[in-house]
């Protein structure tokens, strides 16, 4: 039987969680502090820890850092309020937590999340592989200038404002103009604003996400020769995905799937970052 430890300083929250899982096949333990959670971990075998972020004395971030360090095979999830969004995403970026759910939660969604976590754990039954993934430091993060442009697009700001933001960063400006003037699009322009108008903001958003991930994939001995090929494949895949939804299915793509085309090959990025030399040698084989 899988064992779950819930950590929250609000007793009513813990009671609600206990009731939610009462008819499941999981053994649920609850504690009101990070200190008590660590005491439980010393003497009990736990498969999954679900922690609030904002707690006195030892907050959820500090607790999950200790869990990762001392019990790396225990899966870590955050269940916290929207006010803690910044620290939650910090925990995700640093792989302190694997997943998160905001309060107030949906009961069915939380049960489904836990079910999927354990299903994935069973698939990754190789202990060495599970340990590697659990301790992976994370993929390269999007630099702040790229993130700002993506936020402006998501907030439906105008093309003039977005083009001005892009023009402030020479790297982004160059990449956008290079894309617009490439054989793929064939626009002849030196204007960022005109390039945005022709390419469309959805394509620009996908393009920036793709380049921000792949652009930082440096390995010892230089960049891998197929990075450009990988980038083009990711961008084109997302373009096809958006086309299928809009032109064939005649509906807006769900937000959760908006970058699926870009990230469908993310395992390659993982291999490059974790096993760069071995992966290069593998690629060189005939």
C-alpha atoms as a PDB file:
ATOM      1  CA  UNK A   1       0.000   0.000   0.000  1.00  0.00           C
ATOM      2  CA  UNK A   2       1.318   3.448  -0.960  1.00  0.00           C
ATOM      3  CA  UNK A   3       1.796   5.863   1.920  1.00  0.00           C
ATOM      4  CA  UNK A   4       1.175   9.605   1.629  1.00  0.00           C
ATOM      5  CA  UNK A   5       2.275  12.230   4.144  1.00  0.00           C
ATOM      6  CA  UNK A   6       0.344  15.528   4.098  1.00  0.00           C
ATOM      7  CA  UNK A   7       1.945  18.523   5.822  1.00  0.00           C
ATOM      8  CA  UNK A   8      -0.083  21.650   6.632  1.00  0.00           C
ATOM      9  CA  UNK A   9      -0.324  23.921   9.666  1.00  0.00           C
ATOM     10  CA  UNK A  10      -4.118  24.218   9.248  1.00  0.00           C
ATOM     11  CA  UNK A  11      -5.866  21.356  11.050  1.00  0.00           C
ATOM     12  CA  UNK A  12      -9.074  21.696   9.029  1.00  0.00           C
ATOM     13  CA  UNK A  13      -7.127  21.276   5.796  1.00  0.00           C
ATOM     14  CA  UNK A  14      -5.606  18.050   7.095  1.00  0.00           C
ATOM     15  CA  UNK A  15      -9.011  16.765   8.202  1.00  0.00           C
ATOM     16  CA  UNK A  16     -10.436  17.472   4.745  1.00  0.00           C
ATOM     17  CA  UNK A  17      -7.576  15.614   3.083  1.00  0.00           C
ATOM     18  CA  UNK A  18      -7.974  12.686   5.456  1.00  0.00           C
ATOM     19  CA  UNK A  19     -11.683  12.452   4.573  1.00  0.00           C
ATOM     20  CA  UNK A  20     -10.953  12.719   0.860  1.00  0.00           C
ATOM     21  CA  UNK A  21      -8.640   9.703   0.880  1.00  0.00           C
ATOM     22  CA  UNK A  22     -10.597   7.585   3.367  1.00  0.00           C
ATOM     23  CA  UNK A  23     -12.099   5.308   0.688  1.00  0.00           C
ATOM     24  CA  UNK A  24      -8.898   4.946  -1.335  1.00  0.00           C
ATOM     25  CA  UNK A  25      -6.200   2.308  -1.197  1.00  0.00           C
ATOM     26  CA  UNK A  26      -3.665   4.797   0.169  1.00  0.00           C
ATOM     27  CA  UNK A  27      -2.403   4.981   3.739  1.00  0.00           C
ATOM     28  CA  UNK A  28      -2.579   8.673   4.689  1.00  0.00           C
ATOM     29  CA  UNK A  29      -0.598  10.341   7.481  1.00  0.00           C
ATOM     30  CA  UNK A  30      -0.926  14.014   8.455  1.00  0.00           C
ATOM     31  CA  UNK A  31       1.275  16.394  10.446  1.00  0.00           C
ATOM     32  CA  UNK A  32       1.062  20.115  11.219  1.00  0.00           C
ATOM     33  CA  UNK A  33       4.709  21.145  10.800  1.00  0.00           C
ATOM     34  CA  UNK A  34       7.870  20.498   8.851  1.00  0.00           C
ATOM     35  CA  UNK A  35       9.650  19.381  12.011  1.00  0.00           C
ATOM     36  CA  UNK A  36       7.002  16.728  12.683  1.00  0.00           C
ATOM     37  CA  UNK A  37       7.174  15.624   9.063  1.00  0.00           C
ATOM     38  CA  UNK A  38      10.907  14.960   9.350  1.00  0.00           C
ATOM     39  CA  UNK A  39      10.331  12.920  12.509  1.00  0.00           C
ATOM     40  CA  UNK A  40       7.779  10.795  10.644  1.00  0.00           C
ATOM     41  CA  UNK A  41      10.216  10.250   7.780  1.00  0.00           C
ATOM     42  CA  UNK A  42      12.870   9.020  10.212  1.00  0.00           C
ATOM     43  CA  UNK A  43      10.738   6.103  11.347  1.00  0.00           C
ATOM     44  CA  UNK A  44       8.135   5.508   8.614  1.00  0.00           C
ATOM     45  CA  UNK A  45       8.395   4.495   4.961  1.00  0.00           C
ATOM     46  CA  UNK A  46       6.689   7.204   2.902  1.00  0.00           C
ATOM     47  CA  UNK A  47       6.145   7.149  -0.871  1.00  0.00           C
ATOM     48  CA  UNK A  48       4.778  10.662  -1.409  1.00  0.00           C
ATOM     49  CA  UNK A  49       4.930  13.876   0.606  1.00  0.00           C
ATOM     50  CA  UNK A  50       2.453  16.687  -0.113  1.00  0.00           C
ATOM     51  CA  UNK A  51       3.295  19.937   1.651  1.00  0.00           C
ATOM     52  CA  UNK A  52       1.873  23.409   2.095  1.00  0.00           C
ATOM     53  CA  UNK A  53       4.365  26.206   1.394  1.00  0.00           C
ATOM     54  CA  UNK A  54       3.505  28.814   4.007  1.00  0.00           C
ATOM     55  CA  UNK A  55       4.077  27.357   7.481  1.00  0.00           C
ATOM     56  CA  UNK A  56       5.730  28.784  10.642  1.00  0.00           C
ATOM     57  CA  UNK A  57       9.282  27.884  11.725  1.00  0.00           C
ATOM     58  CA  UNK A  58      10.027  25.616   8.753  1.00  0.00           C
ATOM     59  CA  UNK A  59       8.188  26.455   5.535  1.00  0.00           C
ATOM     60  CA  UNK A  60       7.325  23.966   2.814  1.00  0.00           C
ATOM     61  CA  UNK A  61      10.258  24.961   0.623  1.00  0.00           C
ATOM     62  CA  UNK A  62      12.753  24.285   3.423  1.00  0.00           C
ATOM     63  CA  UNK A  63      11.038  21.007   4.262  1.00  0.00           C
ATOM     64  CA  UNK A  64      11.047  19.706   0.698  1.00  0.00           C
ATOM     65  CA  UNK A  65      14.714  20.701   0.315  1.00  0.00           C
ATOM     66  CA  UNK A  66      15.543  18.486   3.305  1.00  0.00           C
ATOM     67  CA  UNK A  67      13.375  15.670   1.947  1.00  0.00           C
ATOM     68  CA  UNK A  68      15.126  15.832  -1.396  1.00  0.00           C
ATOM     69  CA  UNK A  69      18.534  15.786   0.281  1.00  0.00           C
ATOM     70  CA  UNK A  70      17.869  13.016   2.809  1.00  0.00           C
ATOM     71  CA  UNK A  71      15.104  10.970   1.140  1.00  0.00           C
ATOM     72  CA  UNK A  72      15.585  11.470  -2.619  1.00  0.00           C
ATOM     73  CA  UNK A  73      13.291   8.586  -3.584  1.00  0.00           C
ATOM     74  CA  UNK A  74      10.255  10.139  -1.896  1.00  0.00           C
ATOM     75  CA  UNK A  75       8.101  11.969  -4.439  1.00  0.00           C
ATOM     76  CA  UNK A  76       7.440  15.620  -3.588  1.00  0.00           C
ATOM     77  CA  UNK A  77       4.315  17.677  -4.342  1.00  0.00           C
ATOM     78  CA  UNK A  78       3.171  21.156  -3.293  1.00  0.00           C
ATOM     79  CA  UNK A  79      -0.414  21.919  -2.244  1.00  0.00           C
ATOM     80  CA  UNK A  80      -0.576  25.622  -1.502  1.00  0.00           C
ATOM     81  CA  UNK A  81      -2.478  28.895  -1.939  1.00  0.00           C
ATOM     82  CA  UNK A  82      -2.256  31.255  -4.905  1.00  0.00           C
ATOM     83  CA  UNK A  83      -0.508  33.807  -2.684  1.00  0.00           C
ATOM     84  CA  UNK A  84       2.488  31.456  -2.608  1.00  0.00           C
ATOM     85  CA  UNK A  85       2.733  31.216  -6.409  1.00  0.00           C
ATOM     86  CA  UNK A  86       6.239  32.708  -6.613  1.00  0.00           C
ATOM     87  CA  UNK A  87       7.834  30.290  -4.142  1.00  0.00           C
ATOM     88  CA  UNK A  88       5.872  27.378  -5.634  1.00  0.00           C
ATOM     89  CA  UNK A  89       7.323  27.958  -9.087  1.00  0.00           C
ATOM     90  CA  UNK A  90      10.781  28.439  -7.582  1.00  0.00           C
ATOM     91  CA  UNK A  91      10.436  24.975  -6.026  1.00  0.00           C
ATOM     92  CA  UNK A  92       9.379  23.537  -9.382  1.00  0.00           C
ATOM     93  CA  UNK A  93      12.229  25.196 -11.298  1.00  0.00           C
ATOM     94  CA  UNK A  94      14.798  23.842  -8.827  1.00  0.00           C
ATOM     95  CA  UNK A  95      13.182  20.390  -8.781  1.00  0.00           C
ATOM     96  CA  UNK A  96      12.446  20.714  -5.074  1.00  0.00           C
ATOM     97  CA  UNK A  97       8.896  19.688  -5.962  1.00  0.00           C
ATOM     98  CA  UNK A  98       7.699  17.621  -8.898  1.00  0.00           C
ATOM     99  CA  UNK A  99       4.136  18.904  -9.172  1.00  0.00           C
ATOM    100  CA  UNK A 100       1.810  21.369  -7.525  1.00  0.00           C
ATOM    101  CA  UNK A 101      -1.875  22.049  -6.954  1.00  0.00           C
ATOM    102  CA  UNK A 102      -3.321  25.293  -5.663  1.00  0.00           C
ATOM    103  CA  UNK A 103      -5.853  25.629  -2.863  1.00  0.00           C
ATOM    104  CA  UNK A 104      -8.798  25.401  -2.881  1.00  0.00           C
ATOM    105  CA  UNK A 105      -8.343  22.137  -4.726  1.00  0.00           C
ATOM    106  CA  UNK A 106     -10.762  20.086  -6.758  1.00  0.00           C
ATOM    107  CA  UNK A 107     -11.217  16.720  -5.029  1.00  0.00           C
ATOM    108  CA  UNK A 108     -11.390  14.676  -8.231  1.00  0.00           C
ATOM    109  CA  UNK A 109      -8.376  16.485  -9.687  1.00  0.00           C
ATOM    110  CA  UNK A 110      -6.295  15.881  -6.557  1.00  0.00           C
ATOM    111  CA  UNK A 111      -7.202  12.191  -6.450  1.00  0.00           C
ATOM    112  CA  UNK A 112      -6.363  11.893 -10.147  1.00  0.00           C
ATOM    113  CA  UNK A 113      -3.047  13.678  -9.650  1.00  0.00           C
ATOM    114  CA  UNK A 114      -1.998  11.275  -6.892  1.00  0.00           C
ATOM    115  CA  UNK A 115      -3.097   8.302  -8.993  1.00  0.00           C
ATOM    116  CA  UNK A 116      -1.020   9.514 -11.952  1.00  0.00           C
ATOM    117  CA  UNK A 117       1.999  10.121  -9.732  1.00  0.00           C
ATOM    118  CA  UNK A 118       2.014   6.534  -8.513  1.00  0.00           C
ATOM    119  CA  UNK A 119       1.303   5.146 -11.990  1.00  0.00           C
ATOM    120  CA  UNK A 120       4.346   7.027 -13.277  1.00  0.00           C
ATOM    121  CA  UNK A 121       6.438   5.801 -10.350  1.00  0.00           C
ATOM    122  CA  UNK A 122       5.493   2.217 -11.192  1.00  0.00           C
ATOM    123  CA  UNK A 123       6.523   2.756 -14.812  1.00  0.00           C
ATOM    124  CA  UNK A 124       9.855   4.127 -13.621  1.00  0.00           C
ATOM    125  CA  UNK A 125      10.543   1.091 -11.488  1.00  0.00           C
ATOM    126  CA  UNK A 126      14.260   1.231 -12.279  1.00  0.00           C
ATOM    127  CA  UNK A 127      15.694   2.714  -9.069  1.00  0.00           C
ATOM    128  CA  UNK A 128      18.684   4.333 -10.783  1.00  0.00           C
ATOM    129  CA  UNK A 129      16.436   6.017 -13.347  1.00  0.00           C
ATOM    130  CA  UNK A 130      13.980   7.204 -10.695  1.00  0.00           C
ATOM    131  CA  UNK A 131      16.820   8.605  -8.591  1.00  0.00           C
ATOM    132  CA  UNK A 132      18.264  10.427 -11.617  1.00  0.00           C
ATOM    133  CA  UNK A 133      14.939  12.042 -12.523  1.00  0.00           C
ATOM    134  CA  UNK A 134      14.123  12.902  -8.918  1.00  0.00           C
ATOM    135  CA  UNK A 135      17.448  14.692  -8.465  1.00  0.00           C
ATOM    136  CA  UNK A 136      17.643  16.279 -11.916  1.00  0.00           C
ATOM    137  CA  UNK A 137      18.462  19.956 -11.435  1.00  0.00           C
ATOM    138  CA  UNK A 138      16.040  21.025 -14.138  1.00  0.00           C
ATOM    139  CA  UNK A 139      16.085  22.177 -17.703  1.00  0.00           C
ATOM    140  CA  UNK A 140      17.571  25.552 -18.647  1.00  0.00           C
ATOM    141  CA  UNK A 141      15.274  28.385 -17.593  1.00  0.00           C
ATOM    142  CA  UNK A 142      13.923  31.075 -19.884  1.00  0.00           C
ATOM    143  CA  UNK A 143      15.929  34.286 -19.566  1.00  0.00           C
ATOM    144  CA  UNK A 144      14.063  37.288 -18.199  1.00  0.00           C
ATOM    145  CA  UNK A 145      13.873  39.229 -21.471  1.00  0.00           C
ATOM    146  CA  UNK A 146      12.313  36.231 -23.231  1.00  0.00           C
ATOM    147  CA  UNK A 147       9.901  35.746 -20.328  1.00  0.00           C
ATOM    148  CA  UNK A 148       8.807  39.385 -20.485  1.00  0.00           C
ATOM    149  CA  UNK A 149       7.855  39.109 -24.171  1.00  0.00           C
ATOM    150  CA  UNK A 150       5.898  35.900 -23.521  1.00  0.00           C
ATOM    151  CA  UNK A 151       4.004  37.591 -20.667  1.00  0.00           C
ATOM    152  CA  UNK A 152       3.133  40.554 -22.906  1.00  0.00           C
ATOM    153  CA  UNK A 153       1.752  38.214 -25.565  1.00  0.00           C
ATOM    154  CA  UNK A 154      -0.240  36.273 -22.960  1.00  0.00           C
ATOM    155  CA  UNK A 155      -1.669  39.570 -21.657  1.00  0.00           C
ATOM    156  CA  UNK A 156      -2.830  40.540 -25.178  1.00  0.00           C
ATOM    157  CA  UNK A 157      -0.709  43.678 -25.321  1.00  0.00           C
ATOM    158  CA  UNK A 158      -0.432  45.440 -28.671  1.00  0.00           C
ATOM    159  CA  UNK A 159       2.071  44.639 -31.412  1.00  0.00           C
ATOM    160  CA  UNK A 160       3.666  48.087 -31.065  1.00  0.00           C
ATOM    161  CA  UNK A 161       4.426  47.548 -27.360  1.00  0.00           C
ATOM    162  CA  UNK A 162       5.637  43.987 -27.944  1.00  0.00           C
ATOM    163  CA  UNK A 163       7.861  45.007 -30.856  1.00  0.00           C
ATOM    164  CA  UNK A 164       9.419  47.749 -28.709  1.00  0.00           C
ATOM    165  CA  UNK A 165      10.156  45.213 -25.967  1.00  0.00           C
ATOM    166  CA  UNK A 166      11.745  42.842 -28.483  1.00  0.00           C
ATOM    167  CA  UNK A 167      13.855  45.651 -29.966  1.00  0.00           C
ATOM    168  CA  UNK A 168      15.366  46.251 -26.513  1.00  0.00           C
ATOM    169  CA  UNK A 169      17.049  42.834 -26.737  1.00  0.00           C
ATOM    170  CA  UNK A 170      19.392  42.417 -29.679  1.00  0.00           C
ATOM    171  CA  UNK A 171      19.370  38.618 -29.386  1.00  0.00           C
ATOM    172  CA  UNK A 172      15.580  38.333 -29.679  1.00  0.00           C
ATOM    173  CA  UNK A 173      15.383  40.970 -32.431  1.00  0.00           C
ATOM    174  CA  UNK A 174      17.984  39.157 -34.493  1.00  0.00           C
ATOM    175  CA  UNK A 175      16.261  35.798 -34.094  1.00  0.00           C
ATOM    176  CA  UNK A 176      12.814  37.166 -34.995  1.00  0.00           C
ATOM    177  CA  UNK A 177      14.123  38.928 -38.102  1.00  0.00           C
ATOM    178  CA  UNK A 178      16.131  35.857 -39.079  1.00  0.00           C
ATOM    179  CA  UNK A 179      12.985  33.736 -38.861  1.00  0.00           C
ATOM    180  CA  UNK A 180      10.866  36.202 -40.852  1.00  0.00           C
ATOM    181  CA  UNK A 181      13.494  36.507 -43.587  1.00  0.00           C
ATOM    182  CA  UNK A 182      14.179  32.768 -43.768  1.00  0.00           C
ATOM    183  CA  UNK A 183      13.196  30.672 -46.739  1.00  0.00           C
ATOM    184  CA  UNK A 184      10.432  29.166 -44.603  1.00  0.00           C
ATOM    185  CA  UNK A 185       8.530  32.490 -44.519  1.00  0.00           C
ATOM    186  CA  UNK A 186      10.273  34.568 -47.169  1.00  0.00           C
ATOM    187  CA  UNK A 187       9.489  38.009 -45.744  1.00  0.00           C
ATOM    188  CA  UNK A 188      12.006  40.665 -46.752  1.00  0.00           C
ATOM    189  CA  UNK A 189      12.036  43.101 -43.861  1.00  0.00           C
ATOM    190  CA  UNK A 190      14.282  44.720 -41.304  1.00  0.00           C
ATOM    191  CA  UNK A 191      11.352  45.822 -39.148  1.00  0.00           C
ATOM    192  CA  UNK A 192      10.532  43.844 -36.016  1.00  0.00           C
ATOM    193  CA  UNK A 193       6.996  45.243 -36.034  1.00  0.00           C
ATOM    194  CA  UNK A 194       6.427  44.112 -39.625  1.00  0.00           C
ATOM    195  CA  UNK A 195       7.886  40.689 -38.818  1.00  0.00           C
ATOM    196  CA  UNK A 196       5.470  40.315 -35.882  1.00  0.00           C
ATOM    197  CA  UNK A 197       2.531  41.382 -38.043  1.00  0.00           C
ATOM    198  CA  UNK A 198       3.379  38.792 -40.682  1.00  0.00           C
ATOM    199  CA  UNK A 199       4.332  35.897 -38.400  1.00  0.00           C
ATOM    200  CA  UNK A 200       1.572  36.397 -35.820  1.00  0.00           C
ATOM    201  CA  UNK A 201       1.971  36.593 -32.053  1.00  0.00           C
ATOM    202  CA  UNK A 202       1.131  32.919 -31.483  1.00  0.00           C
ATOM    203  CA  UNK A 203       3.991  31.878 -33.738  1.00  0.00           C
ATOM    204  CA  UNK A 204       6.309  34.385 -32.068  1.00  0.00           C
ATOM    205  CA  UNK A 205       5.404  32.989 -28.645  1.00  0.00           C
ATOM    206  CA  UNK A 206       6.129  29.435 -29.790  1.00  0.00           C
ATOM    207  CA  UNK A 207       9.344  30.582 -31.440  1.00  0.00           C
ATOM    208  CA  UNK A 208      10.630  32.307 -28.296  1.00  0.00           C
ATOM    209  CA  UNK A 209       9.815  29.293 -26.123  1.00  0.00           C
ATOM    210  CA  UNK A 210      11.617  26.955 -28.506  1.00  0.00           C
ATOM    211  CA  UNK A 211      14.717  29.103 -28.841  1.00  0.00           C
ATOM    212  CA  UNK A 212      14.926  29.805 -25.109  1.00  0.00           C
ATOM    213  CA  UNK A 213      15.044  26.082 -24.366  1.00  0.00           C
ATOM    214  CA  UNK A 214      17.350  25.000 -27.152  1.00  0.00           C
ATOM    215  CA  UNK A 215      19.550  28.103 -27.275  1.00  0.00           C
ATOM    216  CA  UNK A 216      21.157  27.289 -23.920  1.00  0.00           C
ATOM    217  CA  UNK A 217      21.934  23.651 -24.647  1.00  0.00           C
ATOM    218  CA  UNK A 218      25.704  23.952 -24.511  1.00  0.00           C
ATOM    219  CA  UNK A 219      27.861  20.937 -23.831  1.00  0.00           C
ATOM    220  CA  UNK A 220      31.543  20.399 -23.292  1.00  0.00           C
ATOM    221  CA  UNK A 221      33.404  20.649 -26.565  1.00  0.00           C
ATOM    222  CA  UNK A 222      30.921  23.039 -28.166  1.00  0.00           C
ATOM    223  CA  UNK A 223      27.334  23.007 -29.341  1.00  0.00           C
ATOM    224  CA  UNK A 224      25.865  19.862 -30.812  1.00  0.00           C
ATOM    225  CA  UNK A 225      25.614  19.971 -34.600  1.00  0.00           C
ATOM    226  CA  UNK A 226      21.925  19.116 -34.680  1.00  0.00           C
ATOM    227  CA  UNK A 227      20.731  21.858 -32.294  1.00  0.00           C
ATOM    228  CA  UNK A 228      19.478  23.958 -35.218  1.00  0.00           C
ATOM    229  CA  UNK A 229      17.699  20.940 -36.650  1.00  0.00           C
ATOM    230  CA  UNK A 230      16.117  20.208 -33.264  1.00  0.00           C
ATOM    231  CA  UNK A 231      14.914  23.798 -32.938  1.00  0.00           C
ATOM    232  CA  UNK A 232      13.323  23.824 -36.406  1.00  0.00           C
ATOM    233  CA  UNK A 233      11.614  20.511 -35.712  1.00  0.00           C
ATOM    234  CA  UNK A 234      10.157  21.751 -32.401  1.00  0.00           C
ATOM    235  CA  UNK A 235       8.903  25.005 -33.900  1.00  0.00           C
ATOM    236  CA  UNK A 236       7.381  23.361 -36.971  1.00  0.00           C
ATOM    237  CA  UNK A 237       5.709  20.689 -34.819  1.00  0.00           C
ATOM    238  CA  UNK A 238       3.992  23.353 -32.738  1.00  0.00           C
ATOM    239  CA  UNK A 239       2.932  25.246 -35.850  1.00  0.00           C
ATOM    240  CA  UNK A 240       1.314  22.065 -37.205  1.00  0.00           C
ATOM    241  CA  UNK A 241      -0.402  21.451 -33.852  1.00  0.00           C
ATOM    242  CA  UNK A 242      -1.925  24.946 -33.807  1.00  0.00           C
ATOM    243  CA  UNK A 243      -2.985  24.589 -37.450  1.00  0.00           C
ATOM    244  CA  UNK A 244      -4.783  21.291 -36.748  1.00  0.00           C
ATOM    245  CA  UNK A 245      -6.734  22.801 -33.859  1.00  0.00           C
ATOM    246  CA  UNK A 246      -7.696  26.021 -35.644  1.00  0.00           C
ATOM    247  CA  UNK A 247      -8.262  24.811 -39.216  1.00  0.00           C
ATOM    248  CA  UNK A 248      -9.296  21.175 -38.783  1.00  0.00           C
ATOM    249  CA  UNK A 249     -10.919  20.994 -35.352  1.00  0.00           C
ATOM    250  CA  UNK A 250     -12.180  24.610 -35.507  1.00  0.00           C
ATOM    251  CA  UNK A 251     -11.541  25.313 -31.855  1.00  0.00           C
ATOM    252  CA  UNK A 252      -9.024  27.045 -29.648  1.00  0.00           C
ATOM    253  CA  UNK A 253      -6.235  24.847 -28.371  1.00  0.00           C
ATOM    254  CA  UNK A 254      -6.384  24.282 -24.573  1.00  0.00           C
ATOM    255  CA  UNK A 255      -3.813  26.327 -22.658  1.00  0.00           C
ATOM    256  CA  UNK A 256      -2.324  23.154 -21.180  1.00  0.00           C
ATOM    257  CA  UNK A 257      -1.511  21.886 -24.700  1.00  0.00           C
ATOM    258  CA  UNK A 258      -0.411  25.186 -26.222  1.00  0.00           C
ATOM    259  CA  UNK A 259       3.284  24.241 -26.253  1.00  0.00           C
ATOM    260  CA  UNK A 260       2.922  20.474 -26.704  1.00  0.00           C
ATOM    261  CA  UNK A 261       4.541  20.593 -30.134  1.00  0.00           C
ATOM    262  CA  UNK A 262       7.545  22.457 -28.781  1.00  0.00           C
ATOM    263  CA  UNK A 263       8.067  20.087 -25.889  1.00  0.00           C
ATOM    264  CA  UNK A 264       7.193  16.705 -27.401  1.00  0.00           C
ATOM    265  CA  UNK A 265      10.902  15.993 -27.882  1.00  0.00           C
ATOM    266  CA  UNK A 266      11.976  17.287 -24.471  1.00  0.00           C
ATOM    267  CA  UNK A 267      13.556  13.935 -23.662  1.00  0.00           C
ATOM    268  CA  UNK A 268      16.324  14.789 -26.123  1.00  0.00           C
ATOM    269  CA  UNK A 269      17.092  17.947 -24.139  1.00  0.00           C
ATOM    270  CA  UNK A 270      17.219  15.839 -20.971  1.00  0.00           C
ATOM    271  CA  UNK A 271      19.659  13.422 -22.613  1.00  0.00           C
ATOM    272  CA  UNK A 272      21.877  16.253 -23.850  1.00  0.00           C
ATOM    273  CA  UNK A 273      21.983  17.945 -20.458  1.00  0.00           C
ATOM    274  CA  UNK A 274      22.477  14.781 -18.398  1.00  0.00           C
ATOM    275  CA  UNK A 275      24.557  12.564 -20.697  1.00  0.00           C
ATOM    276  CA  UNK A 276      26.082  14.963 -23.212  1.00  0.00           C
ATOM    277  CA  UNK A 277      29.187  12.929 -24.097  1.00  0.00           C
ATOM    278  CA  UNK A 278      27.351   9.599 -24.281  1.00  0.00           C
ATOM    279  CA  UNK A 279      24.590  11.150 -26.352  1.00  0.00           C
ATOM    280  CA  UNK A 280      27.045  12.746 -28.784  1.00  0.00           C
ATOM    281  CA  UNK A 281      28.841   9.420 -29.198  1.00  0.00           C
ATOM    282  CA  UNK A 282      25.498   7.696 -29.793  1.00  0.00           C
ATOM    283  CA  UNK A 283      24.527  10.249 -32.462  1.00  0.00           C
ATOM    284  CA  UNK A 284      27.819   9.732 -34.267  1.00  0.00           C
ATOM    285  CA  UNK A 285      27.203   6.021 -34.712  1.00  0.00           C
ATOM    286  CA  UNK A 286      26.206   5.052 -38.273  1.00  0.00           C
END
